[in-house]
Amino acid sequence: MKKTFKVNNIACANCANLIKASLEENFGEILVNLEKEPREVTLEIENEKKEVEFKAEIKELGFEVIEK
């Protein structure tokens, strides 16, 4: 299921490229919307375990998923 997360600390295309390069191998195609504030990261999430894994890995890169 496609899921979109609001993420803090994504400043520019370099940040988006870091996220894609670091996480696409584990999570498939990742889209980063630099037009919205806070930035949006959209990807295919198979289950809750993968979602927890994604949030942990993006945090390790220095970005913060905003919880609703």
PDB file of N, CA and C in Angstrom:
ATOM      1  N   MET A   1       0.841  -1.167   0.000  1.00  0.00           N
ATOM      2  CA  MET A   1       0.000   0.000   0.000  1.00  0.00           C
ATOM      3  C   MET A   1       0.894   1.241   0.000  1.00  0.00           C
ATOM      4  N   LYS A   2       0.574   2.190  -0.878  1.00  0.00           N
ATOM      5  CA  LYS A   2       1.316   3.452  -0.927  1.00  0.00           C
ATOM      6  C   LYS A   2       0.995   4.243   0.328  1.00  0.00           C
ATOM      7  N   LYS A   3       2.041   4.794   0.918  1.00  0.00           N
ATOM      8  CA  LYS A   3       1.857   5.582   2.123  1.00  0.00           C
ATOM      9  C   LYS A   3       2.732   6.818   2.036  1.00  0.00           C
ATOM     10  N   THR A   4       2.215   7.955   2.510  1.00  0.00           N
ATOM     11  CA  THR A   4       2.947   9.207   2.509  1.00  0.00           C
ATOM     12  C   THR A   4       3.208   9.637   3.944  1.00  0.00           C
ATOM     13  N   PHE A   5       4.467   9.983   4.203  1.00  0.00           N
ATOM     14  CA  PHE A   5       4.876  10.437   5.528  1.00  0.00           C
ATOM     15  C   PHE A   5       5.329  11.885   5.433  1.00  0.00           C
ATOM     16  N   LYS A   6       4.951  12.688   6.421  1.00  0.00           N
ATOM     17  CA  LYS A   6       5.470  14.050   6.529  1.00  0.00           C
ATOM     18  C   LYS A   6       6.778  13.948   7.304  1.00  0.00           C
ATOM     19  N   VAL A   7       7.838  14.580   6.759  1.00  0.00           N
ATOM     20  CA  VAL A   7       9.175  14.415   7.326  1.00  0.00           C
ATOM     21  C   VAL A   7       9.854  15.770   7.508  1.00  0.00           C
ATOM     22  N   ASN A   8      10.407  16.005   8.702  1.00  0.00           N
ATOM     23  CA  ASN A   8      11.174  17.224   8.988  1.00  0.00           C
ATOM     24  C   ASN A   8      12.616  17.074   8.542  1.00  0.00           C
ATOM     25  N   ASN A   9      13.285  18.202   8.373  1.00  0.00           N
ATOM     26  CA  ASN A   9      14.724  18.299   8.112  1.00  0.00           C
ATOM     27  C   ASN A   9      15.134  18.000   6.677  1.00  0.00           C
ATOM     28  N   ILE A  10      14.213  17.806   5.765  1.00  0.00           N
ATOM     29  CA  ILE A  10      14.579  17.634   4.355  1.00  0.00           C
ATOM     30  C   ILE A  10      14.651  19.032   3.758  1.00  0.00           C
ATOM     31  N   ALA A  11      15.863  19.473   3.453  1.00  0.00           N
ATOM     32  CA  ALA A  11      16.056  20.857   3.019  1.00  0.00           C
ATOM     33  C   ALA A  11      16.106  21.017   1.501  1.00  0.00           C
ATOM     34  N   CYS A  12      16.649  20.014   0.801  1.00  0.00           N
ATOM     35  CA  CYS A  12      16.921  20.224  -0.622  1.00  0.00           C
ATOM     36  C   CYS A  12      16.990  18.895  -1.375  1.00  0.00           C
ATOM     37  N   ALA A  13      17.312  18.986  -2.646  1.00  0.00           N
ATOM     38  CA  ALA A  13      17.421  17.795  -3.490  1.00  0.00           C
ATOM     39  C   ALA A  13      18.506  16.840  -2.991  1.00  0.00           C
ATOM     40  N   ASN A  14      19.566  17.374  -2.392  1.00  0.00           N
ATOM     41  CA  ASN A  14      20.615  16.494  -1.862  1.00  0.00           C
ATOM     42  C   ASN A  14      20.078  15.609  -0.744  1.00  0.00           C
ATOM     43  N   CYS A  15      19.223  16.173   0.106  1.00  0.00           N
ATOM     44  CA  CYS A  15      18.599  15.381   1.170  1.00  0.00           C
ATOM     45  C   CYS A  15      17.717  14.284   0.555  1.00  0.00           C
ATOM     46  N   ALA A  16      16.941  14.666  -0.447  1.00  0.00           N
ATOM     47  CA  ALA A  16      16.064  13.704  -1.120  1.00  0.00           C
ATOM     48  C   ALA A  16      16.888  12.582  -1.745  1.00  0.00           C
ATOM     49  N   ASN A  17      18.003  12.942  -2.376  1.00  0.00           N
ATOM     50  CA  ASN A  17      18.862  11.940  -2.999  1.00  0.00           C
ATOM     51  C   ASN A  17      19.487  11.013  -1.967  1.00  0.00           C
ATOM     52  N   LEU A  18      19.852  11.547  -0.803  1.00  0.00           N
ATOM     53  CA  LEU A  18      20.402  10.725   0.272  1.00  0.00           C
ATOM     54  C   LEU A  18      19.373   9.688   0.731  1.00  0.00           C
ATOM     55  N   ILE A  19      18.139  10.125   0.908  1.00  0.00           N
ATOM     56  CA  ILE A  19      17.074   9.217   1.333  1.00  0.00           C
ATOM     57  C   ILE A  19      16.880   8.123   0.294  1.00  0.00           C
ATOM     58  N   LYS A  20      16.788   8.513  -0.961  1.00  0.00           N
ATOM     59  CA  LYS A  20      16.579   7.535  -2.030  1.00  0.00           C
ATOM     60  C   LYS A  20      17.739   6.553  -2.125  1.00  0.00           C
ATOM     61  N   ALA A  21      18.959   7.064  -2.138  1.00  0.00           N
ATOM     62  CA  ALA A  21      20.134   6.200  -2.281  1.00  0.00           C
ATOM     63  C   ALA A  21      20.265   5.239  -1.107  1.00  0.00           C
ATOM     64  N   SER A  22      19.915   5.701   0.080  1.00  0.00           N
ATOM     65  CA  SER A  22      20.087   4.887   1.274  1.00  0.00           C
ATOM     66  C   SER A  22      18.968   3.866   1.477  1.00  0.00           C
ATOM     67  N   LEU A  23      17.759   4.187   1.057  1.00  0.00           N
ATOM     68  CA  LEU A  23      16.604   3.367   1.435  1.00  0.00           C
ATOM     69  C   LEU A  23      15.915   2.623   0.298  1.00  0.00           C
ATOM     70  N   GLU A  24      16.154   3.006  -0.965  1.00  0.00           N
ATOM     71  CA  GLU A  24      15.412   2.370  -2.059  1.00  0.00           C
ATOM     72  C   GLU A  24      15.719   0.879  -2.199  1.00  0.00           C
ATOM     73  N   GLU A  25      16.907   0.457  -1.832  1.00  0.00           N
ATOM     74  CA  GLU A  25      17.223  -0.972  -1.927  1.00  0.00           C
ATOM     75  C   GLU A  25      16.297  -1.805  -1.041  1.00  0.00           C
ATOM     76  N   ASN A  26      15.972  -1.289   0.148  1.00  0.00           N
ATOM     77  CA  ASN A  26      15.103  -2.017   1.082  1.00  0.00           C
ATOM     78  C   ASN A  26      13.620  -1.767   0.862  1.00  0.00           C
ATOM     79  N   PHE A  27      13.277  -0.575   0.334  1.00  0.00           N
ATOM     80  CA  PHE A  27      11.863  -0.182   0.295  1.00  0.00           C
ATOM     81  C   PHE A  27      11.315   0.068  -1.101  1.00  0.00           C
ATOM     82  N   GLY A  28      12.122  -0.081  -2.134  1.00  0.00           N
ATOM     83  CA  GLY A  28      11.644   0.171  -3.492  1.00  0.00           C
ATOM     84  C   GLY A  28      11.636   1.664  -3.787  1.00  0.00           C
ATOM     85  N   GLU A  29      10.907   2.045  -4.810  1.00  0.00           N
ATOM     86  CA  GLU A  29      10.882   3.438  -5.259  1.00  0.00           C
ATOM     87  C   GLU A  29      10.380   4.364  -4.152  1.00  0.00           C
ATOM     88  N   ILE A  30      11.096   5.453  -3.948  1.00  0.00           N
ATOM     89  CA  ILE A  30      10.728   6.451  -2.953  1.00  0.00           C
ATOM     90  C   ILE A  30      10.597   7.793  -3.656  1.00  0.00           C
ATOM     91  N   LEU A  31       9.480   8.467  -3.419  1.00  0.00           N
ATOM     92  CA  LEU A  31       9.245   9.795  -3.981  1.00  0.00           C
ATOM     93  C   LEU A  31       9.331  10.811  -2.851  1.00  0.00           C
ATOM     94  N   VAL A  32      10.106  11.880  -3.070  1.00  0.00           N
ATOM     95  CA  VAL A  32      10.235  12.943  -2.080  1.00  0.00           C
ATOM     96  C   VAL A  32       9.676  14.220  -2.695  1.00  0.00           C
ATOM     97  N   ASN A  33       8.626  14.764  -2.089  1.00  0.00           N
ATOM     98  CA  ASN A  33       8.000  15.986  -2.585  1.00  0.00           C
ATOM     99  C   ASN A  33       8.648  17.185  -1.894  1.00  0.00           C
ATOM    100  N   LEU A  34       9.442  17.942  -2.651  1.00  0.00           N
ATOM    101  CA  LEU A  34      10.122  19.113  -2.105  1.00  0.00           C
ATOM    102  C   LEU A  34       9.272  20.381  -2.224  1.00  0.00           C
ATOM    103  N   GLU A  35       8.063  20.247  -2.774  1.00  0.00           N
ATOM    104  CA  GLU A  35       7.175  21.389  -2.953  1.00  0.00           C
ATOM    105  C   GLU A  35       6.371  21.693  -1.695  1.00  0.00           C
ATOM    106  N   LYS A  36       6.154  20.692  -0.872  1.00  0.00           N
ATOM    107  CA  LYS A  36       5.315  20.858   0.322  1.00  0.00           C
ATOM    108  C   LYS A  36       6.171  21.091   1.553  1.00  0.00           C
ATOM    109  N   GLU A  37       5.575  21.711   2.559  1.00  0.00           N
ATOM    110  CA  GLU A  37       6.243  21.935   3.839  1.00  0.00           C
ATOM    111  C   GLU A  37       5.290  21.511   4.937  1.00  0.00           C
ATOM    112  N   PRO A  38       5.541  20.568   5.777  1.00  0.00           N
ATOM    113  CA  PRO A  38       6.766  19.763   5.760  1.00  0.00           C
ATOM    114  C   PRO A  38       6.832  18.871   4.521  1.00  0.00           C
ATOM    115  N   ARG A  39       8.039  18.458   4.172  1.00  0.00           N
ATOM    116  CA  ARG A  39       8.252  17.619   2.991  1.00  0.00           C
ATOM    117  C   ARG A  39       7.510  16.298   3.132  1.00  0.00           C
ATOM    118  N   GLU A  40       7.154  15.706   2.008  1.00  0.00           N
ATOM    119  CA  GLU A  40       6.445  14.429   2.004  1.00  0.00           C
ATOM    120  C   GLU A  40       7.274  13.359   1.316  1.00  0.00           C
ATOM    121  N   VAL A  41       7.319  12.201   1.945  1.00  0.00           N
ATOM    122  CA  VAL A  41       8.021  11.042   1.397  1.00  0.00           C
ATOM    123  C   VAL A  41       6.977   9.960   1.177  1.00  0.00           C
ATOM    124  N   THR A  42       6.870   9.479  -0.068  1.00  0.00           N
ATOM    125  CA  THR A  42       5.867   8.475  -0.424  1.00  0.00           C
ATOM    126  C   THR A  42       6.571   7.214  -0.891  1.00  0.00           C
ATOM    127  N   LEU A  43       6.098   6.079  -0.383  1.00  0.00           N
ATOM    128  CA  LEU A  43       6.656   4.796  -0.779  1.00  0.00           C
ATOM    129  C   LEU A  43       5.645   3.696  -0.519  1.00  0.00           C
ATOM    130  N   GLU A  44       5.961   2.519  -1.031  1.00  0.00           N
ATOM    131  CA  GLU A  44       5.121   1.338  -0.856  1.00  0.00           C
ATOM    132  C   GLU A  44       5.494   0.694   0.486  1.00  0.00           C
ATOM    133  N   ILE A  45       4.523   0.592   1.383  1.00  0.00           N
ATOM    134  CA  ILE A  45       4.746  -0.049   2.688  1.00  0.00           C
ATOM    135  C   ILE A  45       3.901  -1.321   2.723  1.00  0.00           C
ATOM    136  N   GLU A  46       4.572  -2.457   2.882  1.00  0.00           N
ATOM    137  CA  GLU A  46       3.884  -3.755   2.831  1.00  0.00           C
ATOM    138  C   GLU A  46       3.114  -4.066   4.106  1.00  0.00           C
ATOM    139  N   ASN A  47       3.689  -3.710   5.258  1.00  0.00           N
ATOM    140  CA  ASN A  47       3.050  -4.044   6.528  1.00  0.00           C
ATOM    141  C   ASN A  47       3.578  -3.127   7.628  1.00  0.00           C
ATOM    142  N   GLU A  48       3.059  -3.300   8.826  1.00  0.00           N
ATOM    143  CA  GLU A  48       3.438  -2.440   9.949  1.00  0.00           C
ATOM    144  C   GLU A  48       4.919  -2.591  10.308  1.00  0.00           C
ATOM    145  N   LYS A  49       5.435  -3.795  10.178  1.00  0.00           N
ATOM    146  CA  LYS A  49       6.853  -4.047  10.485  1.00  0.00           C
ATOM    147  C   LYS A  49       7.742  -3.210   9.557  1.00  0.00           C
ATOM    148  N   LYS A  50       7.394  -3.162   8.265  1.00  0.00           N
ATOM    149  CA  LYS A  50       8.165  -2.380   7.297  1.00  0.00           C
ATOM    150  C   LYS A  50       8.059  -0.880   7.605  1.00  0.00           C
ATOM    151  N   GLU A  51       6.900  -0.450   8.073  1.00  0.00           N
ATOM    152  CA  GLU A  51       6.718   0.963   8.413  1.00  0.00           C
ATOM    153  C   GLU A  51       7.618   1.348   9.590  1.00  0.00           C
ATOM    154  N   VAL A  52       7.670   0.516  10.607  1.00  0.00           N
ATOM    155  CA  VAL A  52       8.533   0.763  11.769  1.00  0.00           C
ATOM    156  C   VAL A  52       9.990   0.792  11.326  1.00  0.00           C
ATOM    157  N   GLU A  53      10.359  -0.148  10.450  1.00  0.00           N
ATOM    158  CA  GLU A  53      11.722  -0.222   9.916  1.00  0.00           C
ATOM    159  C   GLU A  53      12.068   1.057   9.139  1.00  0.00           C
ATOM    160  N   PHE A  54      11.142   1.517   8.288  1.00  0.00           N
ATOM    161  CA  PHE A  54      11.362   2.737   7.512  1.00  0.00           C
ATOM    162  C   PHE A  54      11.581   3.934   8.429  1.00  0.00           C
ATOM    163  N   LYS A  55      10.722   4.097   9.431  1.00  0.00           N
ATOM    164  CA  LYS A  55      10.837   5.238  10.342  1.00  0.00           C
ATOM    165  C   LYS A  55      12.167   5.214  11.089  1.00  0.00           C
ATOM    166  N   ALA A  56      12.612   4.030  11.492  1.00  0.00           N
ATOM    167  CA  ALA A  56      13.895   3.913  12.198  1.00  0.00           C
ATOM    168  C   ALA A  56      15.060   4.266  11.284  1.00  0.00           C
ATOM    169  N   GLU A  57      15.017   3.773  10.051  1.00  0.00           N
ATOM    170  CA  GLU A  57      16.118   4.008   9.118  1.00  0.00           C
ATOM    171  C   GLU A  57      16.196   5.464   8.672  1.00  0.00           C
ATOM    172  N   ILE A  58      15.048   6.097   8.458  1.00  0.00           N
ATOM    173  CA  ILE A  58      15.080   7.504   8.035  1.00  0.00           C
ATOM    174  C   ILE A  58      15.568   8.374   9.192  1.00  0.00           C
ATOM    175  N   LYS A  59      15.248   7.980  10.429  1.00  0.00           N
ATOM    176  CA  LYS A  59      15.727   8.715  11.604  1.00  0.00           C
ATOM    177  C   LYS A  59      17.247   8.617  11.717  1.00  0.00           C
ATOM    178  N   GLU A  60      17.794   7.449  11.401  1.00  0.00           N
ATOM    179  CA  GLU A  60      19.250   7.262  11.426  1.00  0.00           C
ATOM    180  C   GLU A  60      19.952   8.197  10.441  1.00  0.00           C
ATOM    181  N   LEU A  61      19.254   8.556   9.369  1.00  0.00           N
ATOM    182  CA  LEU A  61      19.815   9.476   8.369  1.00  0.00           C
ATOM    183  C   LEU A  61      19.721  10.932   8.811  1.00  0.00           C
ATOM    184  N   GLY A  62      19.024  11.181   9.926  1.00  0.00           N
ATOM    185  CA  GLY A  62      18.908  12.544  10.442  1.00  0.00           C
ATOM    186  C   GLY A  62      17.604  13.243  10.118  1.00  0.00           C
ATOM    187  N   PHE A  63      16.610  12.480   9.673  1.00  0.00           N
ATOM    188  CA  PHE A  63      15.304  13.045   9.345  1.00  0.00           C
ATOM    189  C   PHE A  63      14.277  12.521  10.327  1.00  0.00           C
ATOM    190  N   GLU A  64      13.211  13.298  10.543  1.00  0.00           N
ATOM    191  CA  GLU A  64      12.226  12.939  11.549  1.00  0.00           C
ATOM    192  C   GLU A  64      10.839  12.835  10.916  1.00  0.00           C
ATOM    193  N   VAL A  65      10.213  11.666  11.060  1.00  0.00           N
ATOM    194  CA  VAL A  65       8.850  11.483  10.598  1.00  0.00           C
ATOM    195  C   VAL A  65       7.939  12.153  11.616  1.00  0.00           C
ATOM    196  N   ILE A  66       7.038  12.987  11.130  1.00  0.00           N
ATOM    197  CA  ILE A  66       6.077  13.685  12.007  1.00  0.00           C
ATOM    198  C   ILE A  66       4.898  12.760  12.220  1.00  0.00           C
ATOM    199  N   GLU A  67       4.663  12.378  13.454  1.00  0.00           N
ATOM    200  CA  GLU A  67       3.520  11.515  13.776  1.00  0.00           C
ATOM    201  C   GLU A  67       2.255  12.354  13.803  1.00  0.00           C
ATOM    202  N   LYS A  68       1.159  11.775  13.351  1.00  0.00           N
ATOM    203  CA  LYS A  68      -0.114  12.506  13.290  1.00  0.00           C
ATOM    204  C   LYS A  68      -0.763  12.592  14.649  1.00  0.00           C
TER     205      LYS A  68
END
